[in-house]
Amino acid sequence: MRDLTYPPIIVAAKTGFRVLGQRIELTGTENVPRTGGVLLAYNHIGYVDFVYGGLAANPSGRRVRFMAKRELFDHRYVGPLMRSLHHIEVDRGEGEASFHTAVDYLRRGEAVGIFPEATISRAMTLKDFKTGAVRIAAAAGVPLVPVILWGTQRMMTKDHPRNFSRGLPISLRVGTPMYPPGVDPVAETAELKARMMHLLDESIRAYPADDPDAWWRPASHGGSAPSLEEAARLDVAEKRERARRRAERRR
């Protein structure tokens, strides 16, 4: 796949990391194969997860094509950039097209990134997973590699101000590959989530926490992030507000 935009974007991103003085810890990146199709499954805790998520495959020389919501592709400025990076547009109402595009990319030997939770977790822990990740990996016959991001939520996430102060630590923990057969997508998705939960717990425990009661830590680890139930209520309220604003614009 021809890439004119991706190489300078990677250089710009790494320059930004250095300017911010960020301590980025990568663990388990050898689990990403250097060749052939591979599907990377990420947790989703902040708006910059796409930027940092690619680092999981960077030591293997891979460029990740992320599956992202259609709204990003509809944006006047972001849309052309997303298409130039060959990311995959996802219409949540019509998911078949993105499913087939992802399978096609993987069969052609690309690295594809997916967020099984679909949306950012306000609880800072794993929400319910969609079965798309295991179904795509099974259909393409490729390994499914779990990846946990931690620290990105401190920079830019829902309900909190942006924080681009220097020296914020960021970690990416890459797990061993799964090879889902696709026979029981629900059970296979449960296994993926269990693996990622284990990686998440390891990431939180290893993270240099100067404020154990921080809003960006899940309640299960002593933080003050909302519970999954509270976060679900906030998600519903957000959807209602978005619908109200769309209705006002149409009027």
C-alpha atoms as a PDB file:
ATOM      1  CA  MET A   1       0.000   0.000   0.000  1.00  0.00           C
ATOM      2  CA  ARG A   2       1.489   3.311  -1.081  1.00  0.00           C
ATOM      3  CA  ASP A   3       2.185   5.665   1.824  1.00  0.00           C
ATOM      4  CA  LEU A   4       3.055   9.295   1.189  1.00  0.00           C
ATOM      5  CA  THR A   5       1.565  10.752   4.374  1.00  0.00           C
ATOM      6  CA  TYR A   6       2.317   8.128   7.013  1.00  0.00           C
ATOM      7  CA  PRO A   7       6.157   8.462   7.195  1.00  0.00           C
ATOM      8  CA  PRO A   8       6.164  12.240   7.847  1.00  0.00           C
ATOM      9  CA  ILE A   9       3.266  11.822  10.308  1.00  0.00           C
ATOM     10  CA  ILE A  10       5.334   9.289  12.281  1.00  0.00           C
ATOM     11  CA  VAL A  11       8.315  11.654  12.331  1.00  0.00           C
ATOM     12  CA  ALA A  12       6.104  14.555  13.464  1.00  0.00           C
ATOM     13  CA  ALA A  13       4.510  12.442  16.205  1.00  0.00           C
ATOM     14  CA  LYS A  14       7.843  11.243  17.579  1.00  0.00           C
ATOM     15  CA  THR A  15       9.119  14.824  17.533  1.00  0.00           C
ATOM     16  CA  GLY A  16       6.044  15.846  19.526  1.00  0.00           C
ATOM     17  CA  PHE A  17       6.700  13.086  22.074  1.00  0.00           C
ATOM     18  CA  ARG A  18      10.250  14.396  22.566  1.00  0.00           C
ATOM     19  CA  VAL A  19       9.098  18.000  22.858  1.00  0.00           C
ATOM     20  CA  LEU A  20       6.631  16.924  25.552  1.00  0.00           C
ATOM     21  CA  GLY A  21       9.401  15.043  27.326  1.00  0.00           C
ATOM     22  CA  GLN A  22       7.232  11.961  27.526  1.00  0.00           C
ATOM     23  CA  ARG A  23       8.445   8.702  29.022  1.00  0.00           C
ATOM     24  CA  ILE A  24       6.957   6.058  26.739  1.00  0.00           C
ATOM     25  CA  GLU A  25       7.381   2.462  27.886  1.00  0.00           C
ATOM     26  CA  LEU A  26       6.802  -0.302  25.342  1.00  0.00           C
ATOM     27  CA  THR A  27       6.462  -3.888  26.556  1.00  0.00           C
ATOM     28  CA  GLY A  28       5.904  -7.030  24.483  1.00  0.00           C
ATOM     29  CA  THR A  29       6.245  -5.418  21.055  1.00  0.00           C
ATOM     30  CA  GLU A  30       8.009  -8.575  19.844  1.00  0.00           C
ATOM     31  CA  ASN A  31       4.532 -10.156  19.810  1.00  0.00           C
ATOM     32  CA  VAL A  32       3.660  -8.140  16.700  1.00  0.00           C
ATOM     33  CA  PRO A  33       4.771 -10.151  13.637  1.00  0.00           C
ATOM     34  CA  ARG A  34       7.019  -8.355  11.183  1.00  0.00           C
ATOM     35  CA  THR A  35       5.185  -9.636   8.119  1.00  0.00           C
ATOM     36  CA  GLY A  36       1.699 -10.778   7.209  1.00  0.00           C
ATOM     37  CA  GLY A  37      -1.688  -9.606   8.291  1.00  0.00           C
ATOM     38  CA  VAL A  38      -2.235  -8.898  11.971  1.00  0.00           C
ATOM     39  CA  LEU A  39      -5.182  -7.409  13.861  1.00  0.00           C
ATOM     40  CA  LEU A  40      -4.308  -5.369  16.947  1.00  0.00           C
ATOM     41  CA  ALA A  41      -7.069  -4.919  19.550  1.00  0.00           C
ATOM     42  CA  TYR A  42      -6.734  -1.830  21.777  1.00  0.00           C
ATOM     43  CA  ASN A  43      -8.489  -0.534  24.869  1.00  0.00           C
ATOM     44  CA  HIS A  44      -9.924   2.962  24.434  1.00  0.00           C
ATOM     45  CA  ILE A  45      -9.400   5.579  27.157  1.00  0.00           C
ATOM     46  CA  GLY A  46      -8.654   8.843  25.317  1.00  0.00           C
ATOM     47  CA  TYR A  47      -8.833  10.833  22.120  1.00  0.00           C
ATOM     48  CA  VAL A  48      -5.115  10.421  21.342  1.00  0.00           C
ATOM     49  CA  ASP A  49      -5.139   6.607  21.472  1.00  0.00           C
ATOM     50  CA  PHE A  50      -4.806   6.511  17.675  1.00  0.00           C
ATOM     51  CA  VAL A  51      -1.605   8.550  17.842  1.00  0.00           C
ATOM     52  CA  TYR A  52       0.095   6.374  20.443  1.00  0.00           C
ATOM     53  CA  GLY A  53      -1.438   3.064  19.420  1.00  0.00           C
ATOM     54  CA  GLY A  54       0.736   2.805  16.333  1.00  0.00           C
ATOM     55  CA  LEU A  55       3.822   2.586  18.540  1.00  0.00           C
ATOM     56  CA  ALA A  56       2.900  -1.008  19.399  1.00  0.00           C
ATOM     57  CA  ALA A  57       3.785  -2.052  15.837  1.00  0.00           C
ATOM     58  CA  ASN A  58       6.508   0.503  15.142  1.00  0.00           C
ATOM     59  CA  PRO A  59       9.435  -1.666  16.395  1.00  0.00           C
ATOM     60  CA  SER A  60       8.302  -4.321  13.895  1.00  0.00           C
ATOM     61  CA  GLY A  61       8.320  -1.761  11.092  1.00  0.00           C
ATOM     62  CA  ARG A  62       4.538  -1.888  10.668  1.00  0.00           C
ATOM     63  CA  ARG A  63       2.046   0.906  10.021  1.00  0.00           C
ATOM     64  CA  VAL A  64      -1.331   0.370  11.628  1.00  0.00           C
ATOM     65  CA  ARG A  65      -4.538   1.077   9.688  1.00  0.00           C
ATOM     66  CA  PHE A  66      -7.085   1.960  12.361  1.00  0.00           C
ATOM     67  CA  MET A  67     -10.804   1.315  12.161  1.00  0.00           C
ATOM     68  CA  ALA A  68     -12.403   4.637  13.095  1.00  0.00           C
ATOM     69  CA  LYS A  69     -15.887   6.128  13.230  1.00  0.00           C
ATOM     70  CA  ARG A  70     -17.330   7.722  10.114  1.00  0.00           C
ATOM     71  CA  GLU A  71     -17.576  11.159  11.749  1.00  0.00           C
ATOM     72  CA  LEU A  72     -13.791  11.517  11.591  1.00  0.00           C
ATOM     73  CA  PHE A  73     -13.817  10.855   7.849  1.00  0.00           C
ATOM     74  CA  ASP A  74     -16.619  13.403   7.392  1.00  0.00           C
ATOM     75  CA  HIS A  75     -14.538  16.141   9.045  1.00  0.00           C
ATOM     76  CA  ARG A  76     -13.310  18.814   6.638  1.00  0.00           C
ATOM     77  CA  TYR A  77      -9.659  18.538   7.661  1.00  0.00           C
ATOM     78  CA  VAL A  78      -9.335  15.239   9.520  1.00  0.00           C
ATOM     79  CA  GLY A  79     -11.130  13.233   6.825  1.00  0.00           C
ATOM     80  CA  PRO A  80      -8.545  13.707   4.039  1.00  0.00           C
ATOM     81  CA  LEU A  81      -5.759  12.876   6.508  1.00  0.00           C
ATOM     82  CA  MET A  82      -7.497   9.668   7.636  1.00  0.00           C
ATOM     83  CA  ARG A  83      -7.963   8.553   4.044  1.00  0.00           C
ATOM     84  CA  SER A  84      -4.348   9.347   3.141  1.00  0.00           C
ATOM     85  CA  LEU A  85      -3.219   7.095   6.008  1.00  0.00           C
ATOM     86  CA  HIS A  86      -5.496   4.325   4.658  1.00  0.00           C
ATOM     87  CA  HIS A  87      -7.480   4.042   7.876  1.00  0.00           C
ATOM     88  CA  ILE A  88     -10.833   2.247   7.672  1.00  0.00           C
ATOM     89  CA  GLU A  89     -14.130   4.109   7.943  1.00  0.00           C
ATOM     90  CA  VAL A  90     -16.696   2.519  10.245  1.00  0.00           C
ATOM     91  CA  ASP A  91     -20.380   3.315   9.949  1.00  0.00           C
ATOM     92  CA  ARG A  92     -21.862   2.033  13.221  1.00  0.00           C
ATOM     93  CA  GLY A  93     -25.235   1.582  11.556  1.00  0.00           C
ATOM     94  CA  GLU A  94     -23.840  -0.357   8.579  1.00  0.00           C
ATOM     95  CA  GLY A  95     -20.835  -2.301   9.793  1.00  0.00           C
ATOM     96  CA  GLU A  96     -20.586  -4.876   6.987  1.00  0.00           C
ATOM     97  CA  ALA A  97     -18.600  -2.612   4.657  1.00  0.00           C
ATOM     98  CA  SER A  98     -15.901  -1.888   7.248  1.00  0.00           C
ATOM     99  CA  PHE A  99     -15.800  -5.598   8.203  1.00  0.00           C
ATOM    100  CA  HIS A 100     -15.042  -6.612   4.632  1.00  0.00           C
ATOM    101  CA  THR A 101     -12.539  -3.775   4.148  1.00  0.00           C
ATOM    102  CA  ALA A 102     -10.652  -4.847   7.273  1.00  0.00           C
ATOM    103  CA  VAL A 103     -10.594  -8.486   6.153  1.00  0.00           C
ATOM    104  CA  ASP A 104      -9.331  -7.430   2.732  1.00  0.00           C
ATOM    105  CA  TYR A 105      -6.543  -5.316   4.275  1.00  0.00           C
ATOM    106  CA  LEU A 106      -5.485  -8.201   6.513  1.00  0.00           C
ATOM    107  CA  ARG A 107      -5.449 -10.721   3.678  1.00  0.00           C
ATOM    108  CA  ARG A 108      -3.173  -8.318   1.808  1.00  0.00           C
ATOM    109  CA  GLY A 109      -0.735  -8.392   4.725  1.00  0.00           C
ATOM    110  CA  GLU A 110      -1.619  -5.141   6.493  1.00  0.00           C
ATOM    111  CA  ALA A 111      -1.645  -4.400  10.239  1.00  0.00           C
ATOM    112  CA  VAL A 112      -5.121  -3.231  11.277  1.00  0.00           C
ATOM    113  CA  GLY A 113      -6.087  -1.644  14.604  1.00  0.00           C
ATOM    114  CA  ILE A 114      -9.500  -2.038  16.239  1.00  0.00           C
ATOM    115  CA  PHE A 115     -11.119  -0.808  19.464  1.00  0.00           C
ATOM    116  CA  PRO A 116     -13.471  -3.635  20.605  1.00  0.00           C
ATOM    117  CA  GLU A 117     -15.189  -1.292  23.092  1.00  0.00           C
ATOM    118  CA  ALA A 118     -16.087   1.004  20.154  1.00  0.00           C
ATOM    119  CA  THR A 119     -16.105   4.132  22.350  1.00  0.00           C
ATOM    120  CA  ILE A 120     -13.966   5.700  25.064  1.00  0.00           C
ATOM    121  CA  SER A 121     -14.357   4.200  28.524  1.00  0.00           C
ATOM    122  CA  ARG A 122     -15.079   6.875  31.111  1.00  0.00           C
ATOM    123  CA  ALA A 123     -14.523   4.216  33.800  1.00  0.00           C
ATOM    124  CA  MET A 124     -10.893   3.797  32.673  1.00  0.00           C
ATOM    125  CA  THR A 125     -11.411   0.039  32.657  1.00  0.00           C
ATOM    126  CA  LEU A 126     -12.757  -2.272  29.965  1.00  0.00           C
ATOM    127  CA  LYS A 127     -16.359  -1.860  28.836  1.00  0.00           C
ATOM    128  CA  ASP A 128     -18.346  -4.565  27.050  1.00  0.00           C
ATOM    129  CA  PHE A 129     -16.624  -5.765  23.882  1.00  0.00           C
ATOM    130  CA  LYS A 130     -18.164  -6.083  20.432  1.00  0.00           C
ATOM    131  CA  THR A 131     -17.460  -9.407  18.678  1.00  0.00           C
ATOM    132  CA  GLY A 132     -16.073  -7.740  15.560  1.00  0.00           C
ATOM    133  CA  ALA A 133     -12.407  -8.220  16.468  1.00  0.00           C
ATOM    134  CA  VAL A 134     -12.529 -12.008  16.732  1.00  0.00           C
ATOM    135  CA  ARG A 135     -14.835 -12.316  13.719  1.00  0.00           C
ATOM    136  CA  ILE A 136     -12.529 -10.209  11.540  1.00  0.00           C
ATOM    137  CA  ALA A 137      -9.391 -12.083  12.647  1.00  0.00           C
ATOM    138  CA  ALA A 138     -11.074 -15.445  12.059  1.00  0.00           C
ATOM    139  CA  ALA A 139     -12.389 -14.456   8.619  1.00  0.00           C
ATOM    140  CA  ALA A 140      -8.957 -13.209   7.534  1.00  0.00           C
ATOM    141  CA  GLY A 141      -7.056 -16.084   9.186  1.00  0.00           C
ATOM    142  CA  VAL A 142      -4.656 -13.763  11.027  1.00  0.00           C
ATOM    143  CA  PRO A 143      -3.395 -13.436  14.611  1.00  0.00           C
ATOM    144  CA  LEU A 144      -5.279 -11.162  16.993  1.00  0.00           C
ATOM    145  CA  VAL A 145      -2.864  -9.267  19.264  1.00  0.00           C
ATOM    146  CA  PRO A 146      -4.168  -7.507  22.415  1.00  0.00           C
ATOM    147  CA  VAL A 147      -2.698  -4.087  23.257  1.00  0.00           C
ATOM    148  CA  ILE A 148      -3.237  -1.973  26.369  1.00  0.00           C
ATOM    149  CA  LEU A 149      -2.629   1.780  26.388  1.00  0.00           C
ATOM    150  CA  TRP A 150      -2.249   3.586  29.702  1.00  0.00           C
ATOM    151  CA  GLY A 151      -1.600   7.259  30.457  1.00  0.00           C
ATOM    152  CA  THR A 152      -3.129   8.652  27.262  1.00  0.00           C
ATOM    153  CA  GLN A 153      -6.330   9.467  29.153  1.00  0.00           C
ATOM    154  CA  ARG A 154      -4.413  12.032  31.201  1.00  0.00           C
ATOM    155  CA  MET A 155      -3.807  14.048  28.020  1.00  0.00           C
ATOM    156  CA  MET A 156      -7.204  14.176  26.371  1.00  0.00           C
ATOM    157  CA  THR A 157     -10.385  12.296  27.223  1.00  0.00           C
ATOM    158  CA  LYS A 158     -14.062  12.825  27.959  1.00  0.00           C
ATOM    159  CA  ASP A 159     -15.200  15.134  30.779  1.00  0.00           C
ATOM    160  CA  HIS A 160     -11.716  16.425  31.666  1.00  0.00           C
ATOM    161  CA  PRO A 161      -9.532  19.342  30.486  1.00  0.00           C
ATOM    162  CA  ARG A 162      -6.662  18.703  28.104  1.00  0.00           C
ATOM    163  CA  ASN A 163      -3.258  18.243  29.676  1.00  0.00           C
ATOM    164  CA  PHE A 164      -0.163  18.451  27.482  1.00  0.00           C
ATOM    165  CA  SER A 165       2.239  19.194  30.297  1.00  0.00           C
ATOM    166  CA  ARG A 166       5.749  17.791  30.025  1.00  0.00           C
ATOM    167  CA  GLY A 167       6.843  14.447  31.335  1.00  0.00           C
ATOM    168  CA  LEU A 168       3.579  12.498  31.446  1.00  0.00           C
ATOM    169  CA  PRO A 169       4.388   8.775  31.363  1.00  0.00           C
ATOM    170  CA  ILE A 170       2.694   6.653  28.697  1.00  0.00           C
ATOM    171  CA  SER A 171       2.783   2.876  28.490  1.00  0.00           C
ATOM    172  CA  LEU A 172       1.852   0.296  25.863  1.00  0.00           C
ATOM    173  CA  ARG A 173       1.711  -3.358  26.816  1.00  0.00           C
ATOM    174  CA  VAL A 174       1.390  -5.916  23.995  1.00  0.00           C
ATOM    175  CA  GLY A 175       0.146  -9.419  24.741  1.00  0.00           C
ATOM    176  CA  THR A 176       0.702 -12.739  23.008  1.00  0.00           C
ATOM    177  CA  PRO A 177      -1.351 -13.418  19.870  1.00  0.00           C
ATOM    178  CA  MET A 178      -4.690 -15.214  19.819  1.00  0.00           C
ATOM    179  CA  TYR A 179      -5.826 -17.276  16.848  1.00  0.00           C
ATOM    180  CA  PRO A 180      -9.632 -17.231  17.122  1.00  0.00           C
ATOM    181  CA  PRO A 181     -11.318 -19.880  14.951  1.00  0.00           C
ATOM    182  CA  GLY A 182     -14.560 -17.904  14.807  1.00  0.00           C
ATOM    183  CA  VAL A 183     -16.647 -20.888  15.903  1.00  0.00           C
ATOM    184  CA  ASP A 184     -17.966 -19.140  19.037  1.00  0.00           C
ATOM    185  CA  PRO A 185     -17.402 -15.366  18.703  1.00  0.00           C
ATOM    186  CA  VAL A 186     -18.969 -14.627  22.096  1.00  0.00           C
ATOM    187  CA  ALA A 187     -16.671 -17.011  23.991  1.00  0.00           C
ATOM    188  CA  GLU A 188     -13.645 -15.948  21.964  1.00  0.00           C
ATOM    189  CA  THR A 189     -14.428 -12.291  22.672  1.00  0.00           C
ATOM    190  CA  ALA A 190     -14.658 -13.108  26.375  1.00  0.00           C
ATOM    191  CA  GLU A 191     -11.178 -14.657  26.164  1.00  0.00           C
ATOM    192  CA  LEU A 192      -9.835 -11.540  24.405  1.00  0.00           C
ATOM    193  CA  LYS A 193     -11.332  -9.307  27.092  1.00  0.00           C
ATOM    194  CA  ALA A 194      -9.879 -11.481  29.877  1.00  0.00           C
ATOM    195  CA  ARG A 195      -6.420 -11.262  28.319  1.00  0.00           C
ATOM    196  CA  MET A 196      -6.702  -7.506  27.965  1.00  0.00           C
ATOM    197  CA  MET A 197      -7.982  -7.111  31.529  1.00  0.00           C
ATOM    198  CA  HIS A 198      -4.892  -8.953  32.772  1.00  0.00           C
ATOM    199  CA  LEU A 199      -2.649  -6.643  30.723  1.00  0.00           C
ATOM    200  CA  LEU A 200      -4.554  -3.593  31.986  1.00  0.00           C
ATOM    201  CA  ASP A 201      -4.099  -4.623  35.622  1.00  0.00           C
ATOM    202  CA  GLU A 202      -0.365  -5.106  35.008  1.00  0.00           C
ATOM    203  CA  SER A 203      -0.130  -1.706  33.312  1.00  0.00           C
ATOM    204  CA  ILE A 204      -1.879   0.131  36.149  1.00  0.00           C
ATOM    205  CA  ARG A 205       0.228  -1.539  38.831  1.00  0.00           C
ATOM    206  CA  ALA A 206       3.473  -0.746  36.979  1.00  0.00           C
ATOM    207  CA  TYR A 207       2.506   2.865  36.242  1.00  0.00           C
ATOM    208  CA  PRO A 208       4.266   5.558  38.314  1.00  0.00           C
ATOM    209  CA  ALA A 209       1.250   6.831  40.258  1.00  0.00           C
ATOM    210  CA  ASP A 210       2.003  10.007  42.186  1.00  0.00           C
ATOM    211  CA  ASP A 211      -1.706  10.427  42.970  1.00  0.00           C
ATOM    212  CA  PRO A 212      -3.356   7.095  43.834  1.00  0.00           C
ATOM    213  CA  ASP A 213      -6.822   8.705  44.119  1.00  0.00           C
ATOM    214  CA  ALA A 214      -6.585  10.259  40.647  1.00  0.00           C
ATOM    215  CA  TRP A 215      -9.603  10.643  38.379  1.00  0.00           C
ATOM    216  CA  TRP A 216      -7.765   8.732  35.651  1.00  0.00           C
ATOM    217  CA  ARG A 217      -7.484   5.525  37.701  1.00  0.00           C
ATOM    218  CA  PRO A 218     -10.425   3.077  37.817  1.00  0.00           C
ATOM    219  CA  ALA A 219     -12.278   2.622  41.078  1.00  0.00           C
ATOM    220  CA  SER A 220     -11.083  -1.003  41.195  1.00  0.00           C
ATOM    221  CA  HIS A 221      -7.538   0.341  41.588  1.00  0.00           C
ATOM    222  CA  GLY A 222      -8.381   2.979  44.181  1.00  0.00           C
ATOM    223  CA  GLY A 223      -8.963   5.849  41.756  1.00  0.00           C
ATOM    224  CA  SER A 224     -11.948   8.155  41.483  1.00  0.00           C
ATOM    225  CA  ALA A 225     -13.035   7.365  37.923  1.00  0.00           C
ATOM    226  CA  PRO A 226     -16.746   6.537  37.682  1.00  0.00           C
ATOM    227  CA  SER A 227     -17.856   2.930  37.942  1.00  0.00           C
ATOM    228  CA  LEU A 228     -18.891   1.104  34.766  1.00  0.00           C
ATOM    229  CA  GLU A 229     -22.538   1.630  35.741  1.00  0.00           C
ATOM    230  CA  GLU A 230     -22.046   5.365  36.331  1.00  0.00           C
ATOM    231  CA  ALA A 231     -20.068   5.660  33.103  1.00  0.00           C
ATOM    232  CA  ALA A 232     -22.879   3.921  31.196  1.00  0.00           C
ATOM    233  CA  ARG A 233     -25.373   6.500  32.482  1.00  0.00           C
ATOM    234  CA  LEU A 234     -23.055   9.311  31.364  1.00  0.00           C
ATOM    235  CA  ASP A 235     -22.753   7.688  27.925  1.00  0.00           C
ATOM    236  CA  VAL A 236     -26.533   7.574  27.573  1.00  0.00           C
ATOM    237  CA  ALA A 237     -26.842  11.233  28.583  1.00  0.00           C
ATOM    238  CA  GLU A 238     -24.157  12.170  26.062  1.00  0.00           C
ATOM    239  CA  LYS A 239     -25.984  10.356  23.247  1.00  0.00           C
ATOM    240  CA  ARG A 240     -29.217  12.129  24.123  1.00  0.00           C
ATOM    241  CA  GLU A 241     -27.493  15.508  24.080  1.00  0.00           C
ATOM    242  CA  ARG A 242     -25.914  14.755  20.700  1.00  0.00           C
ATOM    243  CA  ALA A 243     -29.311  13.758  19.311  1.00  0.00           C
ATOM    244  CA  ARG A 244     -30.837  16.985  20.674  1.00  0.00           C
ATOM    245  CA  ARG A 245     -28.133  19.091  19.014  1.00  0.00           C
ATOM    246  CA  ARG A 246     -28.577  17.275  15.695  1.00  0.00           C
ATOM    247  CA  ALA A 247     -32.330  17.880  15.841  1.00  0.00           C
ATOM    248  CA  GLU A 248     -31.752  21.592  16.507  1.00  0.00           C
ATOM    249  CA  ARG A 249     -29.403  21.855  13.539  1.00  0.00           C
ATOM    250  CA  ARG A 250     -31.960  20.203  11.262  1.00  0.00           C
ATOM    251  CA  ARG A 251     -34.617  22.694  12.421  1.00  0.00           C
END
